[in-house]
Amino acid sequence: MAVPFTPPPVNPAPGGLNAAVQWLPESGPTRWLGSGVQVRPAGNYGGAQSSGVWNAPWCASLDDLTPEDRKVGLRPEVAEPFEAMTVWAADECDLTEPSRAEVEARAAQVFRLEEHAALERHFAARLLTDAGDPAEADNIIDAVSQLENMLARTGTVGFIHASTGWAALAAQANLLIRTGTGYTTPLGHRWVLGGGYIDGLTSTLVATSQPYGWRSELQLRTAIDERANSFIAIAERSVVVGYERFIGAVEIG
């Protein structure tokens, strides 16, 4: 018989959405699991409707003022809640003691490697929903140029979500600049390049504000089916990711 060999667990690839999210501390029950999280505007975005330049004469009376001269603070609309998701991974084998340990280890390792891509695919669906009809671009240079213009109008540094397949083309065009442990565009906006975005976003690049996330503790549960001589392990965790502002999207044709 051949000599059995089990390779050691490998680490998940760095970067992607997990690295870009600012994870907020969790304690107690996951209150967001049923209805998600609704991110309220904090004044970081939408200020164009609440600011302006005073153009009325300095000595004008109230009767001389036009509606455009009024200083009115209009808050942007609150976005739809961000839905939570539960990611799971499972394994099963016989009831022997060595098999049980192997089942638990495999379920935990499968979850460890698959959670990130599953989260990105789920999050990509919300990004495309908010994108509606994205702008169009002929190439990666045109797309990044448009997104940097959209972000520049907000006066903030943002995050550009894209499939990992665009990394090589962005690097060729000098649009992928190594900064610390990540990559940025020429104007310093952070690239979020994820494997889950390959099928989730395909040829669309999306810009958002800082992503925030909440997640429960990882749970590893086991069960026994004595009639089938089966030991089952399931690893799972619930998570939700959201942002204050959707900036814009560009589809590369």
C-alpha atoms as a PDB file:
ATOM      1  CA  MET A   1       0.000   0.000   0.000  1.00  0.00           C
ATOM      2  CA  ALA A   2       1.109   3.546  -0.681  1.00  0.00           C
ATOM      3  CA  VAL A   3       2.384   5.574   2.275  1.00  0.00           C
ATOM      4  CA  PRO A   4      -0.284   8.114   3.309  1.00  0.00           C
ATOM      5  CA  PHE A   5       0.696  11.760   3.633  1.00  0.00           C
ATOM      6  CA  THR A   6      -1.474  14.702   4.700  1.00  0.00           C
ATOM      7  CA  PRO A   7      -0.093  18.150   3.758  1.00  0.00           C
ATOM      8  CA  PRO A   8      -0.109  20.791   6.520  1.00  0.00           C
ATOM      9  CA  PRO A   9      -2.831  23.484   6.419  1.00  0.00           C
ATOM     10  CA  VAL A  10      -1.991  26.457   4.214  1.00  0.00           C
ATOM     11  CA  ASN A  11      -2.780  30.056   5.088  1.00  0.00           C
ATOM     12  CA  PRO A  12      -5.409  32.053   3.192  1.00  0.00           C
ATOM     13  CA  ALA A  13      -4.061  34.458   0.579  1.00  0.00           C
ATOM     14  CA  PRO A  14      -3.507  37.959   2.004  1.00  0.00           C
ATOM     15  CA  GLY A  15      -5.357  41.061   0.857  1.00  0.00           C
ATOM     16  CA  GLY A  16      -8.868  41.271  -0.534  1.00  0.00           C
ATOM     17  CA  LEU A  17     -11.965  42.442   1.294  1.00  0.00           C
ATOM     18  CA  ASN A  18     -11.051  40.976   4.687  1.00  0.00           C
ATOM     19  CA  ALA A  19      -7.910  43.093   4.851  1.00  0.00           C
ATOM     20  CA  ALA A  20      -9.708  46.272   3.756  1.00  0.00           C
ATOM     21  CA  VAL A  21     -12.638  46.020   6.169  1.00  0.00           C
ATOM     22  CA  GLN A  22     -12.454  47.854   9.474  1.00  0.00           C
ATOM     23  CA  TRP A  23     -13.842  45.150  11.763  1.00  0.00           C
ATOM     24  CA  LEU A  24     -15.778  46.529  14.703  1.00  0.00           C
ATOM     25  CA  PRO A  25     -15.725  44.811  18.107  1.00  0.00           C
ATOM     26  CA  GLU A  26     -18.589  42.432  18.845  1.00  0.00           C
ATOM     27  CA  SER A  27     -19.925  41.421  22.255  1.00  0.00           C
ATOM     28  CA  GLY A  28     -23.156  39.732  23.209  1.00  0.00           C
ATOM     29  CA  PRO A  29     -25.789  38.468  20.763  1.00  0.00           C
ATOM     30  CA  THR A  30     -25.556  39.246  17.059  1.00  0.00           C
ATOM     31  CA  ARG A  31     -28.447  41.728  16.912  1.00  0.00           C
ATOM     32  CA  TRP A  32     -27.757  42.415  13.235  1.00  0.00           C
ATOM     33  CA  LEU A  33     -28.258  38.809  12.127  1.00  0.00           C
ATOM     34  CA  GLY A  34     -31.975  39.127  11.377  1.00  0.00           C
ATOM     35  CA  SER A  35     -32.272  42.562   9.735  1.00  0.00           C
ATOM     36  CA  GLY A  36     -28.675  43.498   8.949  1.00  0.00           C
ATOM     37  CA  VAL A  37     -26.982  46.840   9.625  1.00  0.00           C
ATOM     38  CA  GLN A  38     -28.120  50.251   8.386  1.00  0.00           C
ATOM     39  CA  VAL A  39     -25.230  52.702   8.101  1.00  0.00           C
ATOM     40  CA  ARG A  40     -26.362  56.249   8.842  1.00  0.00           C
ATOM     41  CA  PRO A  41     -24.665  59.224   7.145  1.00  0.00           C
ATOM     42  CA  ALA A  42     -22.066  60.830   9.412  1.00  0.00           C
ATOM     43  CA  GLY A  43     -21.472  63.965   7.356  1.00  0.00           C
ATOM     44  CA  ASN A  44     -18.472  62.513   5.542  1.00  0.00           C
ATOM     45  CA  TYR A  45     -20.352  62.370   2.231  1.00  0.00           C
ATOM     46  CA  GLY A  46     -23.181  64.226   0.534  1.00  0.00           C
ATOM     47  CA  GLY A  47     -21.963  67.628   1.688  1.00  0.00           C
ATOM     48  CA  ALA A  48     -22.446  69.189  -1.733  1.00  0.00           C
ATOM     49  CA  GLN A  49     -26.136  69.569  -0.891  1.00  0.00           C
ATOM     50  CA  SER A  50     -25.315  71.233   2.414  1.00  0.00           C
ATOM     51  CA  SER A  51     -22.658  73.738   1.372  1.00  0.00           C
ATOM     52  CA  GLY A  52     -22.017  76.453  -1.145  1.00  0.00           C
ATOM     53  CA  VAL A  53     -20.658  79.923  -1.796  1.00  0.00           C
ATOM     54  CA  TRP A  54     -22.527  82.997  -0.536  1.00  0.00           C
ATOM     55  CA  ASN A  55     -23.281  85.130  -3.577  1.00  0.00           C
ATOM     56  CA  ALA A  56     -25.861  87.580  -2.234  1.00  0.00           C
ATOM     57  CA  PRO A  57     -24.926  91.243  -1.722  1.00  0.00           C
ATOM     58  CA  TRP A  58     -23.496  91.920   1.725  1.00  0.00           C
ATOM     59  CA  CYS A  59     -26.114  94.529   2.551  1.00  0.00           C
ATOM     60  CA  ALA A  60     -29.064  92.720   0.948  1.00  0.00           C
ATOM     61  CA  SER A  61     -32.383  92.649   2.791  1.00  0.00           C
ATOM     62  CA  LEU A  62     -34.413  89.501   3.274  1.00  0.00           C
ATOM     63  CA  ASP A  63     -36.670  90.559   0.421  1.00  0.00           C
ATOM     64  CA  ASP A  64     -33.688  90.671  -1.934  1.00  0.00           C
ATOM     65  CA  LEU A  65     -32.635  87.087  -1.266  1.00  0.00           C
ATOM     66  CA  THR A  66     -33.491  84.311  -3.728  1.00  0.00           C
ATOM     67  CA  PRO A  67     -34.079  80.630  -2.846  1.00  0.00           C
ATOM     68  CA  GLU A  68     -30.520  79.912  -4.046  1.00  0.00           C
ATOM     69  CA  ASP A  69     -29.182  82.313  -1.416  1.00  0.00           C
ATOM     70  CA  ARG A  70     -30.594  80.310   1.473  1.00  0.00           C
ATOM     71  CA  LYS A  71     -28.142  78.291   3.561  1.00  0.00           C
ATOM     72  CA  VAL A  72     -29.863  74.924   3.940  1.00  0.00           C
ATOM     73  CA  GLY A  73     -28.410  71.707   5.286  1.00  0.00           C
ATOM     74  CA  LEU A  74     -29.817  68.718   3.393  1.00  0.00           C
ATOM     75  CA  ARG A  75     -28.839  65.285   4.637  1.00  0.00           C
ATOM     76  CA  PRO A  76     -28.296  62.510   2.086  1.00  0.00           C
ATOM     77  CA  GLU A  77     -30.717  59.605   2.054  1.00  0.00           C
ATOM     78  CA  VAL A  78     -29.975  56.656   4.316  1.00  0.00           C
ATOM     79  CA  ALA A  79     -28.938  53.601   2.289  1.00  0.00           C
ATOM     80  CA  GLU A  80     -30.774  50.290   2.486  1.00  0.00           C
ATOM     81  CA  PRO A  81     -29.587  47.993   5.308  1.00  0.00           C
ATOM     82  CA  PHE A  82     -26.692  45.673   4.565  1.00  0.00           C
ATOM     83  CA  GLU A  83     -27.803  42.049   4.908  1.00  0.00           C
ATOM     84  CA  ALA A  84     -25.953  39.550   7.057  1.00  0.00           C
ATOM     85  CA  MET A  85     -24.789  36.182   5.792  1.00  0.00           C
ATOM     86  CA  THR A  86     -23.710  32.916   7.395  1.00  0.00           C
ATOM     87  CA  VAL A  87     -20.778  31.064   5.865  1.00  0.00           C
ATOM     88  CA  TRP A  88     -20.339  27.370   6.643  1.00  0.00           C
ATOM     89  CA  ALA A  89     -18.090  24.430   5.791  1.00  0.00           C
ATOM     90  CA  ALA A  90     -18.606  20.759   6.676  1.00  0.00           C
ATOM     91  CA  ASP A  91     -16.893  17.385   6.609  1.00  0.00           C
ATOM     92  CA  GLU A  92     -17.850  13.861   7.684  1.00  0.00           C
ATOM     93  CA  CYS A  93     -16.371  10.380   8.010  1.00  0.00           C
ATOM     94  CA  ASP A  94     -16.561   7.346  10.313  1.00  0.00           C
ATOM     95  CA  LEU A  95     -16.863   7.354  14.096  1.00  0.00           C
ATOM     96  CA  THR A  96     -13.322   6.230  14.981  1.00  0.00           C
ATOM     97  CA  GLU A  97     -11.330   8.575  17.194  1.00  0.00           C
ATOM     98  CA  PRO A  98      -8.655   9.445  14.583  1.00  0.00           C
ATOM     99  CA  SER A  99     -11.386  10.073  12.028  1.00  0.00           C
ATOM    100  CA  ARG A 100     -13.226  12.480  14.334  1.00  0.00           C
ATOM    101  CA  ALA A 101     -10.128  14.640  14.793  1.00  0.00           C
ATOM    102  CA  GLU A 102      -9.554  14.655  11.046  1.00  0.00           C
ATOM    103  CA  VAL A 103     -13.180  15.635  10.345  1.00  0.00           C
ATOM    104  CA  GLU A 104     -13.023  18.612  12.710  1.00  0.00           C
ATOM    105  CA  ALA A 105      -9.666  19.758  11.310  1.00  0.00           C
ATOM    106  CA  ARG A 106     -10.874  19.493   7.693  1.00  0.00           C
ATOM    107  CA  ALA A 107     -14.098  21.395   8.358  1.00  0.00           C
ATOM    108  CA  ALA A 108     -12.170  24.187  10.068  1.00  0.00           C
ATOM    109  CA  GLN A 109      -9.567  24.400   7.291  1.00  0.00           C
ATOM    110  CA  VAL A 110     -12.135  24.362   4.474  1.00  0.00           C
ATOM    111  CA  PHE A 111     -13.980  27.196   6.226  1.00  0.00           C
ATOM    112  CA  ARG A 112     -10.745  29.119   6.741  1.00  0.00           C
ATOM    113  CA  LEU A 113      -9.968  29.088   3.015  1.00  0.00           C
ATOM    114  CA  GLU A 114     -13.487  29.469   1.589  1.00  0.00           C
ATOM    115  CA  GLU A 115     -14.956  32.134   3.909  1.00  0.00           C
ATOM    116  CA  HIS A 116     -13.187  35.066   2.290  1.00  0.00           C
ATOM    117  CA  ALA A 117     -14.282  34.346  -1.298  1.00  0.00           C
ATOM    118  CA  ALA A 118     -17.863  33.629  -0.167  1.00  0.00           C
ATOM    119  CA  LEU A 119     -17.992  36.983   1.636  1.00  0.00           C
ATOM    120  CA  GLU A 120     -16.674  38.811  -1.434  1.00  0.00           C
ATOM    121  CA  ARG A 121     -19.223  37.167  -3.749  1.00  0.00           C
ATOM    122  CA  HIS A 122     -22.055  38.099  -1.380  1.00  0.00           C
ATOM    123  CA  PHE A 123     -20.772  41.663  -0.966  1.00  0.00           C
ATOM    124  CA  ALA A 124     -20.305  42.032  -4.731  1.00  0.00           C
ATOM    125  CA  ALA A 125     -24.034  41.474  -5.239  1.00  0.00           C
ATOM    126  CA  ARG A 126     -24.780  44.516  -3.056  1.00  0.00           C
ATOM    127  CA  LEU A 127     -22.135  46.574  -4.861  1.00  0.00           C
ATOM    128  CA  LEU A 128     -23.725  45.840  -8.233  1.00  0.00           C
ATOM    129  CA  THR A 129     -27.198  46.598  -6.880  1.00  0.00           C
ATOM    130  CA  ASP A 130     -26.024  50.027  -5.727  1.00  0.00           C
ATOM    131  CA  ALA A 131     -24.178  50.521  -9.014  1.00  0.00           C
ATOM    132  CA  GLY A 132     -27.364  50.350 -11.098  1.00  0.00           C
ATOM    133  CA  ASP A 133     -26.192  51.301 -14.590  1.00  0.00           C
ATOM    134  CA  PRO A 134     -22.436  51.822 -14.217  1.00  0.00           C
ATOM    135  CA  ALA A 135     -20.425  54.143 -16.396  1.00  0.00           C
ATOM    136  CA  GLU A 136     -18.496  52.609 -19.289  1.00  0.00           C
ATOM    137  CA  ALA A 137     -14.782  52.520 -20.016  1.00  0.00           C
ATOM    138  CA  ASP A 138     -12.663  51.125 -22.841  1.00  0.00           C
ATOM    139  CA  ASN A 139      -9.781  50.004 -20.632  1.00  0.00           C
ATOM    140  CA  ILE A 140      -8.410  49.925 -17.084  1.00  0.00           C
ATOM    141  CA  ILE A 141      -6.779  53.360 -17.422  1.00  0.00           C
ATOM    142  CA  ASP A 142     -10.052  54.984 -18.425  1.00  0.00           C
ATOM    143  CA  ALA A 143     -11.922  53.164 -15.634  1.00  0.00           C
ATOM    144  CA  VAL A 144      -9.518  54.220 -12.878  1.00  0.00           C
ATOM    145  CA  SER A 145      -9.461  57.768 -14.208  1.00  0.00           C
ATOM    146  CA  GLN A 146     -13.249  58.002 -13.960  1.00  0.00           C
ATOM    147  CA  LEU A 147     -13.334  56.487 -10.468  1.00  0.00           C
ATOM    148  CA  GLU A 148     -10.617  58.830  -9.219  1.00  0.00           C
ATOM    149  CA  ASN A 149     -12.676  61.756 -10.510  1.00  0.00           C
ATOM    150  CA  MET A 150     -15.728  60.464  -8.636  1.00  0.00           C
ATOM    151  CA  LEU A 151     -13.708  60.059  -5.451  1.00  0.00           C
ATOM    152  CA  ALA A 152     -12.042  63.456  -5.865  1.00  0.00           C
ATOM    153  CA  ARG A 153     -15.457  65.127  -5.823  1.00  0.00           C
ATOM    154  CA  THR A 154     -16.042  63.713  -2.325  1.00  0.00           C
ATOM    155  CA  GLY A 155     -12.728  65.040  -1.010  1.00  0.00           C
ATOM    156  CA  THR A 156     -11.939  61.677   0.575  1.00  0.00           C
ATOM    157  CA  VAL A 157      -9.714  58.660   0.022  1.00  0.00           C
ATOM    158  CA  GLY A 158     -11.760  55.653  -1.054  1.00  0.00           C
ATOM    159  CA  PHE A 159     -11.627  51.968  -1.871  1.00  0.00           C
ATOM    160  CA  ILE A 160     -11.792  50.467  -5.366  1.00  0.00           C
ATOM    161  CA  HIS A 161     -13.167  46.922  -5.470  1.00  0.00           C
ATOM    162  CA  ALA A 162     -12.162  44.771  -8.451  1.00  0.00           C
ATOM    163  CA  SER A 163     -11.468  41.241  -9.592  1.00  0.00           C
ATOM    164  CA  THR A 164      -7.920  40.005  -9.068  1.00  0.00           C
ATOM    165  CA  GLY A 165      -7.636  39.632 -12.823  1.00  0.00           C
ATOM    166  CA  TRP A 166      -7.297  43.397 -13.202  1.00  0.00           C
ATOM    167  CA  ALA A 167      -4.181  43.532 -11.003  1.00  0.00           C
ATOM    168  CA  ALA A 168      -1.755  42.587 -13.774  1.00  0.00           C
ATOM    169  CA  LEU A 169      -3.259  45.066 -16.229  1.00  0.00           C
ATOM    170  CA  ALA A 170      -3.304  47.816 -13.592  1.00  0.00           C
ATOM    171  CA  ALA A 171       0.352  47.108 -12.805  1.00  0.00           C
ATOM    172  CA  GLN A 172       1.249  47.280 -16.490  1.00  0.00           C
ATOM    173  CA  ALA A 173      -0.427  50.685 -16.663  1.00  0.00           C
ATOM    174  CA  ASN A 174       1.372  51.898 -13.488  1.00  0.00           C
ATOM    175  CA  LEU A 175      -1.952  52.035 -11.621  1.00  0.00           C
ATOM    176  CA  LEU A 176      -0.959  49.516  -8.934  1.00  0.00           C
ATOM    177  CA  ILE A 177       1.327  51.132  -6.380  1.00  0.00           C
ATOM    178  CA  ARG A 178       2.660  49.115  -3.439  1.00  0.00           C
ATOM    179  CA  THR A 179       1.873  50.886  -0.155  1.00  0.00           C
ATOM    180  CA  GLY A 180       2.593  49.057   3.090  1.00  0.00           C
ATOM    181  CA  THR A 181       0.764  45.738   2.942  1.00  0.00           C
ATOM    182  CA  GLY A 182      -1.608  46.761   0.141  1.00  0.00           C
ATOM    183  CA  TYR A 183      -1.869  48.574  -3.170  1.00  0.00           C
ATOM    184  CA  THR A 184      -3.194  51.986  -4.130  1.00  0.00           C
ATOM    185  CA  THR A 185      -4.021  53.966  -7.260  1.00  0.00           C
ATOM    186  CA  PRO A 186      -1.893  56.971  -8.293  1.00  0.00           C
ATOM    187  CA  LEU A 187      -3.994  59.257  -6.062  1.00  0.00           C
ATOM    188  CA  GLY A 188      -3.812  56.940  -3.054  1.00  0.00           C
ATOM    189  CA  HIS A 189      -7.163  55.147  -3.224  1.00  0.00           C
ATOM    190  CA  ARG A 190      -6.873  51.590  -1.940  1.00  0.00           C
ATOM    191  CA  TRP A 191      -7.311  48.646  -4.254  1.00  0.00           C
ATOM    192  CA  VAL A 192      -9.516  45.818  -2.906  1.00  0.00           C
ATOM    193  CA  LEU A 193      -8.645  42.928  -5.216  1.00  0.00           C
ATOM    194  CA  GLY A 194     -10.522  39.760  -4.299  1.00  0.00           C
ATOM    195  CA  GLY A 195     -10.903  36.252  -5.684  1.00  0.00           C
ATOM    196  CA  GLY A 196     -14.604  36.366  -4.872  1.00  0.00           C
ATOM    197  CA  TYR A 197     -14.917  39.384  -7.151  1.00  0.00           C
ATOM    198  CA  ILE A 198     -13.878  37.289 -10.171  1.00  0.00           C
ATOM    199  CA  ASP A 199     -17.425  35.948 -10.522  1.00  0.00           C
ATOM    200  CA  GLY A 200     -19.009  38.647  -8.357  1.00  0.00           C
ATOM    201  CA  LEU A 201     -17.916  41.818 -10.172  1.00  0.00           C
ATOM    202  CA  THR A 202     -16.366  40.376 -13.380  1.00  0.00           C
ATOM    203  CA  SER A 203     -15.491  43.451 -15.499  1.00  0.00           C
ATOM    204  CA  THR A 204     -16.938  46.121 -13.175  1.00  0.00           C
ATOM    205  CA  LEU A 205     -14.818  48.284 -10.860  1.00  0.00           C
ATOM    206  CA  VAL A 206     -16.619  49.838  -7.889  1.00  0.00           C
ATOM    207  CA  ALA A 207     -15.556  52.671  -5.576  1.00  0.00           C
ATOM    208  CA  THR A 208     -16.901  52.988  -2.022  1.00  0.00           C
ATOM    209  CA  SER A 209     -16.023  54.645   1.250  1.00  0.00           C
ATOM    210  CA  GLN A 210     -14.346  52.688   4.051  1.00  0.00           C
ATOM    211  CA  PRO A 211     -15.968  49.233   4.440  1.00  0.00           C
ATOM    212  CA  TYR A 212     -17.019  48.330   8.002  1.00  0.00           C
ATOM    213  CA  GLY A 213     -17.749  44.835   9.226  1.00  0.00           C
ATOM    214  CA  TRP A 214     -19.264  42.863  12.068  1.00  0.00           C
ATOM    215  CA  ARG A 215     -18.780  39.130  12.587  1.00  0.00           C
ATOM    216  CA  SER A 216     -19.602  36.530  15.184  1.00  0.00           C
ATOM    217  CA  GLU A 217     -17.178  34.071  16.713  1.00  0.00           C
ATOM    218  CA  LEU A 218     -16.326  31.013  14.654  1.00  0.00           C
ATOM    219  CA  GLN A 219     -18.412  28.040  15.797  1.00  0.00           C
ATOM    220  CA  LEU A 220     -17.426  24.387  15.266  1.00  0.00           C
ATOM    221  CA  ARG A 221     -20.328  22.010  15.875  1.00  0.00           C
ATOM    222  CA  THR A 222     -20.343  18.221  15.656  1.00  0.00           C
ATOM    223  CA  ALA A 223     -23.015  15.533  15.310  1.00  0.00           C
ATOM    224  CA  ILE A 224     -23.177  11.736  15.176  1.00  0.00           C
ATOM    225  CA  ASP A 225     -25.285   9.497  12.951  1.00  0.00           C
ATOM    226  CA  GLU A 226     -24.825   6.100  14.598  1.00  0.00           C
ATOM    227  CA  ARG A 227     -26.900   4.212  12.047  1.00  0.00           C
ATOM    228  CA  ALA A 228     -24.655   5.446   9.235  1.00  0.00           C
ATOM    229  CA  ASN A 229     -21.456   5.241  11.324  1.00  0.00           C
ATOM    230  CA  SER A 230     -20.889   8.903  10.516  1.00  0.00           C
ATOM    231  CA  PHE A 231     -19.279  11.764  12.424  1.00  0.00           C
ATOM    232  CA  ILE A 232     -20.110  15.246  11.084  1.00  0.00           C
ATOM    233  CA  ALA A 233     -18.446  18.599  11.806  1.00  0.00           C
ATOM    234  CA  ILE A 234     -19.713  22.014  10.673  1.00  0.00           C
ATOM    235  CA  ALA A 235     -17.748  25.258  10.998  1.00  0.00           C
ATOM    236  CA  GLU A 236     -19.720  28.473  10.560  1.00  0.00           C
ATOM    237  CA  ARG A 237     -19.737  32.198  11.239  1.00  0.00           C
ATOM    238  CA  SER A 238     -22.148  35.069  10.544  1.00  0.00           C
ATOM    239  CA  VAL A 239     -20.882  38.344   9.091  1.00  0.00           C
ATOM    240  CA  VAL A 240     -22.128  41.623   7.629  1.00  0.00           C
ATOM    241  CA  VAL A 241     -20.146  44.274   5.736  1.00  0.00           C
ATOM    242  CA  GLY A 242     -21.344  47.766   4.820  1.00  0.00           C
ATOM    243  CA  TYR A 243     -20.194  51.283   3.945  1.00  0.00           C
ATOM    244  CA  GLU A 244     -21.337  54.847   4.481  1.00  0.00           C
ATOM    245  CA  ARG A 245     -21.263  55.883   0.835  1.00  0.00           C
ATOM    246  CA  PHE A 246     -21.358  54.220  -2.558  1.00  0.00           C
ATOM    247  CA  ILE A 247     -19.182  56.415  -4.795  1.00  0.00           C
ATOM    248  CA  GLY A 248     -19.552  54.987  -8.291  1.00  0.00           C
ATOM    249  CA  ALA A 249     -18.919  52.105 -10.670  1.00  0.00           C
ATOM    250  CA  VAL A 250     -17.363  51.663 -14.109  1.00  0.00           C
ATOM    251  CA  GLU A 251     -17.738  48.679 -16.413  1.00  0.00           C
ATOM    252  CA  ILE A 252     -14.853  47.943 -18.749  1.00  0.00           C
ATOM    253  CA  GLY A 253     -16.083  46.896 -22.176  1.00  0.00           C
END
